[in-house]
Amino acid sequence: MKIWVPSKAAVDVLSDLPDVECVVYDGTGPVPDGAEEVEVWVPPLLTVAGLPELLGRMSRLRLLQTVTAGVDAYRPHLPEGAVLCNARGVHDAGTAEWAVGAMIAVMREFPGFAAAQRKGEWTYHHTGVLADSTVLIIGYGSIGEALERRLDGFEVDVVRVARTARGDVHGQDELPELLPRADVVVLLVPSTPATTGLVDADFLSAMKDGAVLVNAARGAVVDTDALVAELRKGRILAALDVTDPEPLPAGHPLWTAPGVFITPHVAGSTPASGRRLLRLLRSQLLRYLAGEPLKNVITGSY
């Protein structure tokens, strides 16, 4: 059985499995020979060029296991007979940790103090604080649960939102009532046609003065022009790990918009994610070889 994996580390954790031939393809060089013989593909973190054509050649593909929670690049081109699985849970710790750090950094004005430090300026003043805030988590899945666990102890009120209401989780249709109450709005939704442009001018205008928008989802979830316009008013703040476009080109107005803190899509790029990914890959391959149900199977729209 031929398997394409994104790294030598993945080969190492699978090398003892019977009748398995692992080929490393990290997406940066030429496509290896034998795409037609690949039965399991674990693509690299960044989407490879020519993906639709490549998947079209993979006539024997039976399992496509992504290393990300998002699968929007693969779902439309999945060969018939192949199962698509994502890496739900792998990046929970890193992404949740980034979200907490980002909201604290913005509310306590760490970027501004860092800039003052470089100039040798002592800029004492009061700042905002996370304590006593209402944190609205939009897209309450496994990462949202991880984020709430990490917020425990920060003395905040967590409000949960998912696509549809369930138990103590609000439905997305309740956002017009919830947004004006939130001091921090965290985006953790998957990238789907329904979430593209979710955060538009109306959404942003419904946020309270001084609120922080934290995007750890996908850049396309936010209307960038609308966000820049709102930031320039100085009414809200933002912490972004993802942008639209991405990478954000030099000279883009988002770079210099006031009140925004930007990181280059690094929330889940941690050693913890790497370790958990390798454990997931081995577990999935053992299940696949034994004919057992796989984890994180994507069905329907997501």
C-alpha atoms as a PDB file:
ATOM      1  CA  MET A   1       0.000   0.000   0.000  1.00  0.00           C
ATOM      2  CA  LYS A   2       1.465   3.331  -1.063  1.00  0.00           C
ATOM      3  CA  ILE A   3       1.090   6.306   1.282  1.00  0.00           C
ATOM      4  CA  TRP A   4       2.175   9.880   0.686  1.00  0.00           C
ATOM      5  CA  VAL A   5       3.055  11.758   3.876  1.00  0.00           C
ATOM      6  CA  PRO A   6       4.297  15.333   4.404  1.00  0.00           C
ATOM      7  CA  SER A   7       7.404  14.679   6.488  1.00  0.00           C
ATOM      8  CA  LYS A   8      10.127  12.258   7.528  1.00  0.00           C
ATOM      9  CA  ALA A   9       8.638  12.309  11.047  1.00  0.00           C
ATOM     10  CA  ALA A  10       5.427  10.845   9.625  1.00  0.00           C
ATOM     11  CA  VAL A  11       7.421   8.115   7.894  1.00  0.00           C
ATOM     12  CA  ASP A  12       9.098   7.250  11.172  1.00  0.00           C
ATOM     13  CA  VAL A  13       5.827   6.683  13.056  1.00  0.00           C
ATOM     14  CA  LEU A  14       4.401   4.542  10.245  1.00  0.00           C
ATOM     15  CA  SER A  15       7.491   2.635   9.123  1.00  0.00           C
ATOM     16  CA  ASP A  16       6.767  -0.465  11.193  1.00  0.00           C
ATOM     17  CA  LEU A  17       3.289  -0.994   9.748  1.00  0.00           C
ATOM     18  CA  PRO A  18       3.038  -4.079   7.503  1.00  0.00           C
ATOM     19  CA  ASP A  19       3.005  -3.730   3.712  1.00  0.00           C
ATOM     20  CA  VAL A  20       3.172   0.066   3.852  1.00  0.00           C
ATOM     21  CA  GLU A  21       5.359   2.102   1.484  1.00  0.00           C
ATOM     22  CA  CYS A  22       5.711   5.721   2.638  1.00  0.00           C
ATOM     23  CA  VAL A  23       6.768   8.473   0.231  1.00  0.00           C
ATOM     24  CA  VAL A  24       7.499  11.971   1.520  1.00  0.00           C
ATOM     25  CA  TYR A  25       5.825  14.780  -0.418  1.00  0.00           C
ATOM     26  CA  ASP A  26       5.927  18.122   1.383  1.00  0.00           C
ATOM     27  CA  GLY A  27       4.442  20.103  -1.493  1.00  0.00           C
ATOM     28  CA  THR A  28       7.588  22.122  -2.236  1.00  0.00           C
ATOM     29  CA  GLY A  29       9.187  20.042  -4.967  1.00  0.00           C
ATOM     30  CA  PRO A  30       8.068  18.013  -7.973  1.00  0.00           C
ATOM     31  CA  VAL A  31       5.139  15.671  -7.458  1.00  0.00           C
ATOM     32  CA  PRO A  32       6.452  12.135  -6.908  1.00  0.00           C
ATOM     33  CA  ASP A  33       5.792   9.464  -9.513  1.00  0.00           C
ATOM     34  CA  GLY A  34       2.966   7.022  -8.942  1.00  0.00           C
ATOM     35  CA  ALA A  35       0.080   9.272  -7.918  1.00  0.00           C
ATOM     36  CA  GLU A  36      -2.224   6.701  -9.536  1.00  0.00           C
ATOM     37  CA  GLU A  37      -1.085   4.088  -6.997  1.00  0.00           C
ATOM     38  CA  VAL A  38      -1.530   6.156  -3.822  1.00  0.00           C
ATOM     39  CA  GLU A  39      -4.085   4.644  -1.460  1.00  0.00           C
ATOM     40  CA  VAL A  40      -3.633   7.034   1.484  1.00  0.00           C
ATOM     41  CA  TRP A  41      -2.553  10.659   1.216  1.00  0.00           C
ATOM     42  CA  VAL A  42      -1.627  12.944   4.089  1.00  0.00           C
ATOM     43  CA  PRO A  43      -1.102  16.301   2.331  1.00  0.00           C
ATOM     44  CA  PRO A  44       1.195  19.012   3.721  1.00  0.00           C
ATOM     45  CA  LEU A  45       0.010  21.977   5.749  1.00  0.00           C
ATOM     46  CA  LEU A  46      -0.044  24.358   2.779  1.00  0.00           C
ATOM     47  CA  THR A  47      -2.285  23.428  -0.141  1.00  0.00           C
ATOM     48  CA  VAL A  48      -0.210  22.070  -3.015  1.00  0.00           C
ATOM     49  CA  ALA A  49      -0.298  23.670  -6.437  1.00  0.00           C
ATOM     50  CA  GLY A  50      -2.471  21.952  -9.020  1.00  0.00           C
ATOM     51  CA  LEU A  51      -4.504  20.134  -6.370  1.00  0.00           C
ATOM     52  CA  PRO A  52      -7.606  19.391  -8.508  1.00  0.00           C
ATOM     53  CA  GLU A  53      -5.508  17.840 -11.272  1.00  0.00           C
ATOM     54  CA  LEU A  54      -3.434  15.831  -8.795  1.00  0.00           C
ATOM     55  CA  LEU A  55      -6.487  14.426  -7.024  1.00  0.00           C
ATOM     56  CA  GLY A  56      -7.973  13.629 -10.417  1.00  0.00           C
ATOM     57  CA  ARG A  57      -5.027  11.308 -11.027  1.00  0.00           C
ATOM     58  CA  MET A  58      -5.438   9.493  -7.708  1.00  0.00           C
ATOM     59  CA  SER A  59      -7.818   6.819  -8.935  1.00  0.00           C
ATOM     60  CA  ARG A  60      -6.891   4.386  -6.114  1.00  0.00           C
ATOM     61  CA  LEU A  61      -7.113   6.922  -3.275  1.00  0.00           C
ATOM     62  CA  ARG A  62      -9.218   5.592  -0.392  1.00  0.00           C
ATOM     63  CA  LEU A  63      -8.221   7.880   2.489  1.00  0.00           C
ATOM     64  CA  LEU A  64      -7.273  11.547   2.427  1.00  0.00           C
ATOM     65  CA  GLN A  65      -6.222  12.581   5.944  1.00  0.00           C
ATOM     66  CA  THR A  66      -5.571  16.311   6.263  1.00  0.00           C
ATOM     67  CA  VAL A  67      -3.207  17.808   8.833  1.00  0.00           C
ATOM     68  CA  THR A  68      -5.624  20.690   9.396  1.00  0.00           C
ATOM     69  CA  ALA A  69      -9.122  21.044  10.758  1.00  0.00           C
ATOM     70  CA  GLY A  70     -10.154  22.808   7.552  1.00  0.00           C
ATOM     71  CA  VAL A  71     -10.877  20.669   4.492  1.00  0.00           C
ATOM     72  CA  ASP A  72     -12.462  23.192   2.123  1.00  0.00           C
ATOM     73  CA  ALA A  73      -9.618  22.888  -0.424  1.00  0.00           C
ATOM     74  CA  TYR A  74     -10.047  19.099  -0.752  1.00  0.00           C
ATOM     75  CA  ARG A  75     -13.747  18.369  -0.467  1.00  0.00           C
ATOM     76  CA  PRO A  76     -14.780  19.534  -3.981  1.00  0.00           C
ATOM     77  CA  HIS A  77     -12.099  17.403  -5.679  1.00  0.00           C
ATOM     78  CA  LEU A  78     -12.201  14.191  -3.642  1.00  0.00           C
ATOM     79  CA  PRO A  79     -12.053  11.121  -5.933  1.00  0.00           C
ATOM     80  CA  GLU A  80     -15.001   8.762  -5.862  1.00  0.00           C
ATOM     81  CA  GLY A  81     -14.559   6.068  -3.230  1.00  0.00           C
ATOM     82  CA  ALA A  82     -12.193   8.104  -1.047  1.00  0.00           C
ATOM     83  CA  VAL A  83     -12.915   9.077   2.558  1.00  0.00           C
ATOM     84  CA  LEU A  84     -11.950  12.543   3.784  1.00  0.00           C
ATOM     85  CA  CYS A  85     -10.825  12.988   7.404  1.00  0.00           C
ATOM     86  CA  ASN A  86      -9.588  16.121   9.113  1.00  0.00           C
ATOM     87  CA  ALA A  87      -7.230  16.721  12.034  1.00  0.00           C
ATOM     88  CA  ARG A  88      -9.847  17.775  14.550  1.00  0.00           C
ATOM     89  CA  GLY A  89      -8.237  18.038  17.966  1.00  0.00           C
ATOM     90  CA  VAL A  90      -4.637  18.278  16.748  1.00  0.00           C
ATOM     91  CA  HIS A  91      -4.445  22.069  16.835  1.00  0.00           C
ATOM     92  CA  ASP A  92      -6.835  22.719  19.725  1.00  0.00           C
ATOM     93  CA  ALA A  93      -4.175  23.497  22.322  1.00  0.00           C
ATOM     94  CA  GLY A  94      -2.086  25.798  20.154  1.00  0.00           C
ATOM     95  CA  THR A  95      -5.018  27.692  18.685  1.00  0.00           C
ATOM     96  CA  ALA A  96      -6.768  28.126  22.027  1.00  0.00           C
ATOM     97  CA  GLU A  97      -3.529  29.291  23.633  1.00  0.00           C
ATOM     98  CA  TRP A  98      -2.954  31.794  20.820  1.00  0.00           C
ATOM     99  CA  ALA A  99      -6.497  33.159  21.195  1.00  0.00           C
ATOM    100  CA  VAL A 100      -6.042  33.775  24.933  1.00  0.00           C
ATOM    101  CA  GLY A 101      -2.644  35.362  24.377  1.00  0.00           C
ATOM    102  CA  ALA A 102      -3.923  37.534  21.530  1.00  0.00           C
ATOM    103  CA  MET A 103      -6.911  38.896  23.410  1.00  0.00           C
ATOM    104  CA  ILE A 104      -4.744  39.702  26.438  1.00  0.00           C
ATOM    105  CA  ALA A 105      -2.070  41.301  24.229  1.00  0.00           C
ATOM    106  CA  VAL A 106      -4.606  43.607  22.602  1.00  0.00           C
ATOM    107  CA  MET A 107      -6.552  44.471  25.734  1.00  0.00           C
ATOM    108  CA  ARG A 108      -3.382  45.152  27.766  1.00  0.00           C
ATOM    109  CA  GLU A 109      -1.810  46.989  24.783  1.00  0.00           C
ATOM    110  CA  PHE A 110       1.328  44.842  24.642  1.00  0.00           C
ATOM    111  CA  PRO A 111       2.096  45.733  20.967  1.00  0.00           C
ATOM    112  CA  GLY A 112       2.063  49.439  21.835  1.00  0.00           C
ATOM    113  CA  PHE A 113       4.288  48.944  24.873  1.00  0.00           C
ATOM    114  CA  ALA A 114       6.693  46.848  22.772  1.00  0.00           C
ATOM    115  CA  ALA A 115       6.904  49.671  20.223  1.00  0.00           C
ATOM    116  CA  ALA A 116       7.559  52.162  23.032  1.00  0.00           C
ATOM    117  CA  GLN A 117      10.285  49.895  24.437  1.00  0.00           C
ATOM    118  CA  ARG A 118      12.102  49.926  21.090  1.00  0.00           C
ATOM    119  CA  LYS A 119      12.069  53.743  21.251  1.00  0.00           C
ATOM    120  CA  GLY A 120      13.135  53.814  24.897  1.00  0.00           C
ATOM    121  CA  GLU A 121       9.905  55.520  25.948  1.00  0.00           C
ATOM    122  CA  TRP A 122       8.143  55.035  29.316  1.00  0.00           C
ATOM    123  CA  THR A 123       4.480  55.357  28.323  1.00  0.00           C
ATOM    124  CA  TYR A 124       2.612  54.752  31.588  1.00  0.00           C
ATOM    125  CA  HIS A 125      -1.191  54.670  31.307  1.00  0.00           C
ATOM    126  CA  HIS A 126      -4.146  52.506  32.265  1.00  0.00           C
ATOM    127  CA  THR A 127      -5.147  49.730  29.851  1.00  0.00           C
ATOM    128  CA  GLY A 128      -8.072  47.437  29.321  1.00  0.00           C
ATOM    129  CA  VAL A 129      -8.303  44.085  31.101  1.00  0.00           C
ATOM    130  CA  LEU A 130      -9.717  40.668  30.361  1.00  0.00           C
ATOM    131  CA  ALA A 131     -11.218  40.216  33.848  1.00  0.00           C
ATOM    132  CA  ASP A 132     -14.973  40.846  34.057  1.00  0.00           C
ATOM    133  CA  SER A 133     -15.303  40.626  30.257  1.00  0.00           C
ATOM    134  CA  THR A 134     -17.850  38.723  28.201  1.00  0.00           C
ATOM    135  CA  VAL A 135     -16.124  36.471  25.655  1.00  0.00           C
ATOM    136  CA  LEU A 136     -18.306  35.364  22.744  1.00  0.00           C
ATOM    137  CA  ILE A 137     -16.999  32.226  21.048  1.00  0.00           C
ATOM    138  CA  ILE A 138     -18.449  31.798  17.545  1.00  0.00           C
ATOM    139  CA  GLY A 139     -17.883  28.284  16.247  1.00  0.00           C
ATOM    140  CA  TYR A 140     -18.035  26.327  19.469  1.00  0.00           C
ATOM    141  CA  GLY A 141     -16.402  23.017  18.600  1.00  0.00           C
ATOM    142  CA  SER A 142     -13.355  21.251  20.014  1.00  0.00           C
ATOM    143  CA  ILE A 143     -11.166  24.371  19.760  1.00  0.00           C
ATOM    144  CA  GLY A 144     -13.893  26.437  21.403  1.00  0.00           C
ATOM    145  CA  GLU A 145     -14.056  23.944  24.252  1.00  0.00           C
ATOM    146  CA  ALA A 146     -10.259  24.110  24.611  1.00  0.00           C
ATOM    147  CA  LEU A 147     -10.426  27.901  24.651  1.00  0.00           C
ATOM    148  CA  GLU A 148     -13.091  27.913  27.360  1.00  0.00           C
ATOM    149  CA  ARG A 149     -10.974  25.601  29.517  1.00  0.00           C
ATOM    150  CA  ARG A 150      -8.059  27.999  29.214  1.00  0.00           C
ATOM    151  CA  LEU A 151     -10.247  30.992  30.042  1.00  0.00           C
ATOM    152  CA  ASP A 152     -11.342  29.339  33.273  1.00  0.00           C
ATOM    153  CA  GLY A 153      -9.731  31.382  36.019  1.00  0.00           C
ATOM    154  CA  PHE A 154      -9.603  34.648  34.064  1.00  0.00           C
ATOM    155  CA  GLU A 155     -12.927  35.714  35.609  1.00  0.00           C
ATOM    156  CA  VAL A 156     -14.805  36.076  32.346  1.00  0.00           C
ATOM    157  CA  ASP A 157     -18.299  35.187  31.192  1.00  0.00           C
ATOM    158  CA  VAL A 158     -18.150  32.817  28.197  1.00  0.00           C
ATOM    159  CA  VAL A 159     -21.023  32.816  25.698  1.00  0.00           C
ATOM    160  CA  ARG A 160     -21.004  29.938  23.197  1.00  0.00           C
ATOM    161  CA  VAL A 161     -22.342  30.039  19.635  1.00  0.00           C
ATOM    162  CA  ALA A 162     -22.565  27.264  17.046  1.00  0.00           C
ATOM    163  CA  ARG A 163     -24.326  26.895  13.714  1.00  0.00           C
ATOM    164  CA  THR A 164     -27.420  25.617  15.487  1.00  0.00           C
ATOM    165  CA  ALA A 165     -28.442  25.914  19.121  1.00  0.00           C
ATOM    166  CA  ARG A 166     -27.889  23.007  21.502  1.00  0.00           C
ATOM    167  CA  GLY A 167     -28.111  22.975  25.276  1.00  0.00           C
ATOM    168  CA  ASP A 168     -26.191  25.965  26.611  1.00  0.00           C
ATOM    169  CA  VAL A 169     -24.836  26.812  23.136  1.00  0.00           C
ATOM    170  CA  HIS A 170     -26.629  29.569  21.229  1.00  0.00           C
ATOM    171  CA  GLY A 171     -27.454  29.336  17.547  1.00  0.00           C
ATOM    172  CA  GLN A 172     -25.777  31.579  14.992  1.00  0.00           C
ATOM    173  CA  ASP A 173     -29.115  33.232  14.305  1.00  0.00           C
ATOM    174  CA  GLU A 174     -28.901  34.808  17.776  1.00  0.00           C
ATOM    175  CA  LEU A 175     -25.783  36.829  16.957  1.00  0.00           C
ATOM    176  CA  PRO A 176     -27.619  40.162  16.506  1.00  0.00           C
ATOM    177  CA  GLU A 177     -28.683  39.941  20.162  1.00  0.00           C
ATOM    178  CA  LEU A 178     -25.356  38.610  21.469  1.00  0.00           C
ATOM    179  CA  LEU A 179     -22.808  40.808  19.682  1.00  0.00           C
ATOM    180  CA  PRO A 180     -23.634  44.088  21.490  1.00  0.00           C
ATOM    181  CA  ARG A 181     -22.961  42.369  24.855  1.00  0.00           C
ATOM    182  CA  ALA A 182     -19.515  40.958  24.028  1.00  0.00           C
ATOM    183  CA  ASP A 183     -16.203  42.526  24.996  1.00  0.00           C
ATOM    184  CA  VAL A 184     -14.293  39.897  22.993  1.00  0.00           C
ATOM    185  CA  VAL A 185     -15.600  38.099  19.883  1.00  0.00           C
ATOM    186  CA  VAL A 186     -13.579  34.997  18.942  1.00  0.00           C
ATOM    187  CA  LEU A 187     -14.039  33.444  15.495  1.00  0.00           C
ATOM    188  CA  LEU A 188     -13.442  29.682  15.312  1.00  0.00           C
ATOM    189  CA  VAL A 189     -15.880  28.737  12.550  1.00  0.00           C
ATOM    190  CA  PRO A 190     -14.887  26.442   9.671  1.00  0.00           C
ATOM    191  CA  SER A 191     -14.466  27.889   6.195  1.00  0.00           C
ATOM    192  CA  THR A 192     -17.666  27.124   4.311  1.00  0.00           C
ATOM    193  CA  PRO A 193     -19.869  29.044   1.859  1.00  0.00           C
ATOM    194  CA  ALA A 194     -22.129  29.875   4.818  1.00  0.00           C
ATOM    195  CA  THR A 195     -19.296  31.448   6.853  1.00  0.00           C
ATOM    196  CA  THR A 196     -17.592  33.358   4.037  1.00  0.00           C
ATOM    197  CA  GLY A 197     -18.104  37.049   4.769  1.00  0.00           C
ATOM    198  CA  LEU A 198     -19.935  36.281   8.009  1.00  0.00           C
ATOM    199  CA  VAL A 199     -18.209  39.227   9.669  1.00  0.00           C
ATOM    200  CA  ASP A 200     -19.399  42.040   7.431  1.00  0.00           C
ATOM    201  CA  ALA A 201     -20.132  45.712   8.032  1.00  0.00           C
ATOM    202  CA  ASP A 202     -23.393  44.938   9.828  1.00  0.00           C
ATOM    203  CA  PHE A 203     -21.711  42.388  12.091  1.00  0.00           C
ATOM    204  CA  LEU A 204     -18.909  44.802  12.970  1.00  0.00           C
ATOM    205  CA  SER A 205     -21.255  47.710  13.592  1.00  0.00           C
ATOM    206  CA  ALA A 206     -23.208  45.543  16.052  1.00  0.00           C
ATOM    207  CA  MET A 207     -20.096  45.053  18.205  1.00  0.00           C
ATOM    208  CA  LYS A 208     -19.840  47.312  21.236  1.00  0.00           C
ATOM    209  CA  ASP A 209     -17.399  50.194  21.414  1.00  0.00           C
ATOM    210  CA  GLY A 210     -13.934  49.008  22.452  1.00  0.00           C
ATOM    211  CA  ALA A 211     -14.672  45.322  21.740  1.00  0.00           C
ATOM    212  CA  VAL A 212     -11.940  43.039  20.378  1.00  0.00           C
ATOM    213  CA  LEU A 213     -12.400  40.825  17.312  1.00  0.00           C
ATOM    214  CA  VAL A 214     -10.160  37.732  17.453  1.00  0.00           C
ATOM    215  CA  ASN A 215      -9.935  35.714  14.241  1.00  0.00           C
ATOM    216  CA  ALA A 216      -8.378  32.263  14.534  1.00  0.00           C
ATOM    217  CA  ALA A 217     -10.673  30.783  11.878  1.00  0.00           C
ATOM    218  CA  ARG A 218     -10.041  31.697   8.223  1.00  0.00           C
ATOM    219  CA  GLY A 219      -9.416  35.076   6.645  1.00  0.00           C
ATOM    220  CA  ALA A 220     -12.406  34.846   4.314  1.00  0.00           C
ATOM    221  CA  VAL A 221     -14.770  34.757   7.301  1.00  0.00           C
ATOM    222  CA  VAL A 222     -14.136  38.507   7.684  1.00  0.00           C
ATOM    223  CA  ASP A 223     -14.846  41.204   5.104  1.00  0.00           C
ATOM    224  CA  THR A 224     -11.397  42.830   5.160  1.00  0.00           C
ATOM    225  CA  ASP A 225     -12.513  46.167   3.702  1.00  0.00           C
ATOM    226  CA  ALA A 226     -15.288  46.450   6.281  1.00  0.00           C
ATOM    227  CA  LEU A 227     -12.853  45.615   9.082  1.00  0.00           C
ATOM    228  CA  VAL A 228     -10.299  48.205   7.930  1.00  0.00           C
ATOM    229  CA  ALA A 229     -13.044  50.819   7.771  1.00  0.00           C
ATOM    230  CA  GLU A 230     -14.185  50.004  11.322  1.00  0.00           C
ATOM    231  CA  LEU A 231     -10.626  49.954  12.688  1.00  0.00           C
ATOM    232  CA  ARG A 232      -9.949  53.360  11.191  1.00  0.00           C
ATOM    233  CA  LYS A 233     -12.856  54.736  13.154  1.00  0.00           C
ATOM    234  CA  GLY A 234     -11.038  53.599  16.308  1.00  0.00           C
ATOM    235  CA  ARG A 235     -14.217  52.026  17.631  1.00  0.00           C
ATOM    236  CA  ILE A 236     -13.081  48.387  17.862  1.00  0.00           C
ATOM    237  CA  LEU A 237      -9.804  46.444  18.100  1.00  0.00           C
ATOM    238  CA  ALA A 238      -8.700  43.229  16.403  1.00  0.00           C
ATOM    239  CA  ALA A 239      -6.259  40.345  16.746  1.00  0.00           C
ATOM    240  CA  LEU A 240      -5.840  38.345  13.536  1.00  0.00           C
ATOM    241  CA  ASP A 241      -3.942  35.142  12.880  1.00  0.00           C
ATOM    242  CA  VAL A 242      -5.573  34.828   9.459  1.00  0.00           C
ATOM    243  CA  THR A 243      -6.313  37.426   6.799  1.00  0.00           C
ATOM    244  CA  ASP A 244      -7.933  37.820   3.415  1.00  0.00           C
ATOM    245  CA  PRO A 245      -5.827  37.932   1.289  1.00  0.00           C
ATOM    246  CA  GLU A 246      -3.244  35.615   2.817  1.00  0.00           C
ATOM    247  CA  PRO A 247      -0.344  36.050   3.009  1.00  0.00           C
ATOM    248  CA  LEU A 248      -1.141  39.715   3.565  1.00  0.00           C
ATOM    249  CA  PRO A 249       0.843  41.622   0.909  1.00  0.00           C
ATOM    250  CA  ALA A 250       3.175  44.475   1.751  1.00  0.00           C
ATOM    251  CA  GLY A 251       1.413  47.811   1.626  1.00  0.00           C
ATOM    252  CA  HIS A 252      -2.022  46.382   2.377  1.00  0.00           C
ATOM    253  CA  PRO A 253      -4.044  48.874   4.466  1.00  0.00           C
ATOM    254  CA  LEU A 254      -4.677  46.258   7.144  1.00  0.00           C
ATOM    255  CA  TRP A 255      -0.976  46.391   8.137  1.00  0.00           C
ATOM    256  CA  THR A 256      -1.259  50.006   9.223  1.00  0.00           C
ATOM    257  CA  ALA A 257      -4.839  50.099  10.456  1.00  0.00           C
ATOM    258  CA  PRO A 258      -5.001  51.331  14.057  1.00  0.00           C
ATOM    259  CA  GLY A 259      -5.767  48.859  16.838  1.00  0.00           C
ATOM    260  CA  VAL A 260      -4.928  45.646  14.991  1.00  0.00           C
ATOM    261  CA  PHE A 261      -2.446  42.925  16.033  1.00  0.00           C
ATOM    262  CA  ILE A 262      -1.495  40.482  13.242  1.00  0.00           C
ATOM    263  CA  THR A 263       0.354  37.174  13.355  1.00  0.00           C
ATOM    264  CA  PRO A 264       1.149  35.115  10.187  1.00  0.00           C
ATOM    265  CA  HIS A 265      -1.214  32.140  10.642  1.00  0.00           C
ATOM    266  CA  VAL A 266       0.858  30.559  13.413  1.00  0.00           C
ATOM    267  CA  ALA A 267      -1.790  29.716  16.018  1.00  0.00           C
ATOM    268  CA  GLY A 268      -1.608  25.973  15.457  1.00  0.00           C
ATOM    269  CA  SER A 269       2.035  25.829  14.363  1.00  0.00           C
ATOM    270  CA  THR A 270       3.514  24.447  17.575  1.00  0.00           C
ATOM    271  CA  PRO A 271       5.451  21.376  18.740  1.00  0.00           C
ATOM    272  CA  ALA A 272       2.309  20.241  20.574  1.00  0.00           C
ATOM    273  CA  SER A 273       0.402  20.179  17.287  1.00  0.00           C
ATOM    274  CA  GLY A 274       3.222  18.207  15.666  1.00  0.00           C
ATOM    275  CA  ARG A 275       3.216  15.571  18.382  1.00  0.00           C
ATOM    276  CA  ARG A 276      -0.565  15.220  18.322  1.00  0.00           C
ATOM    277  CA  LEU A 277      -0.624  14.995  14.544  1.00  0.00           C
ATOM    278  CA  LEU A 278       1.801  12.062  14.546  1.00  0.00           C
ATOM    279  CA  ARG A 279      -0.317  10.264  17.137  1.00  0.00           C
ATOM    280  CA  LEU A 280      -3.419  10.832  15.005  1.00  0.00           C
ATOM    281  CA  LEU A 281      -1.725   9.575  11.829  1.00  0.00           C
ATOM    282  CA  ARG A 282      -0.600   6.345  13.464  1.00  0.00           C
ATOM    283  CA  SER A 283      -4.010   5.803  15.042  1.00  0.00           C
ATOM    284  CA  GLN A 284      -5.793   6.407  11.731  1.00  0.00           C
ATOM    285  CA  LEU A 285      -3.530   4.072   9.768  1.00  0.00           C
ATOM    286  CA  LEU A 286      -3.945   1.315  12.340  1.00  0.00           C
ATOM    287  CA  ARG A 287      -7.708   1.745  12.101  1.00  0.00           C
ATOM    288  CA  TYR A 288      -7.590   1.801   8.308  1.00  0.00           C
ATOM    289  CA  LEU A 289      -5.474  -1.339   8.065  1.00  0.00           C
ATOM    290  CA  ALA A 290      -7.751  -3.149  10.530  1.00  0.00           C
ATOM    291  CA  GLY A 291     -10.910  -2.058   8.703  1.00  0.00           C
ATOM    292  CA  GLU A 292     -12.125  -0.181  11.780  1.00  0.00           C
ATOM    293  CA  PRO A 293     -14.120   3.094  11.763  1.00  0.00           C
ATOM    294  CA  LEU A 294     -11.913   6.118  11.169  1.00  0.00           C
ATOM    295  CA  LYS A 295     -11.813   9.266  13.295  1.00  0.00           C
ATOM    296  CA  ASN A 296     -12.872  12.718  12.109  1.00  0.00           C
ATOM    297  CA  VAL A 297     -14.676  11.579   8.956  1.00  0.00           C
ATOM    298  CA  ILE A 298     -16.107  14.541   7.048  1.00  0.00           C
ATOM    299  CA  THR A 299     -19.648  14.037   5.806  1.00  0.00           C
ATOM    300  CA  GLY A 300     -22.062  16.489   4.219  1.00  0.00           C
ATOM    301  CA  SER A 301     -21.056  20.139   4.119  1.00  0.00           C
ATOM    302  CA  TYR A 302     -18.611  19.740   7.000  1.00  0.00           C
END
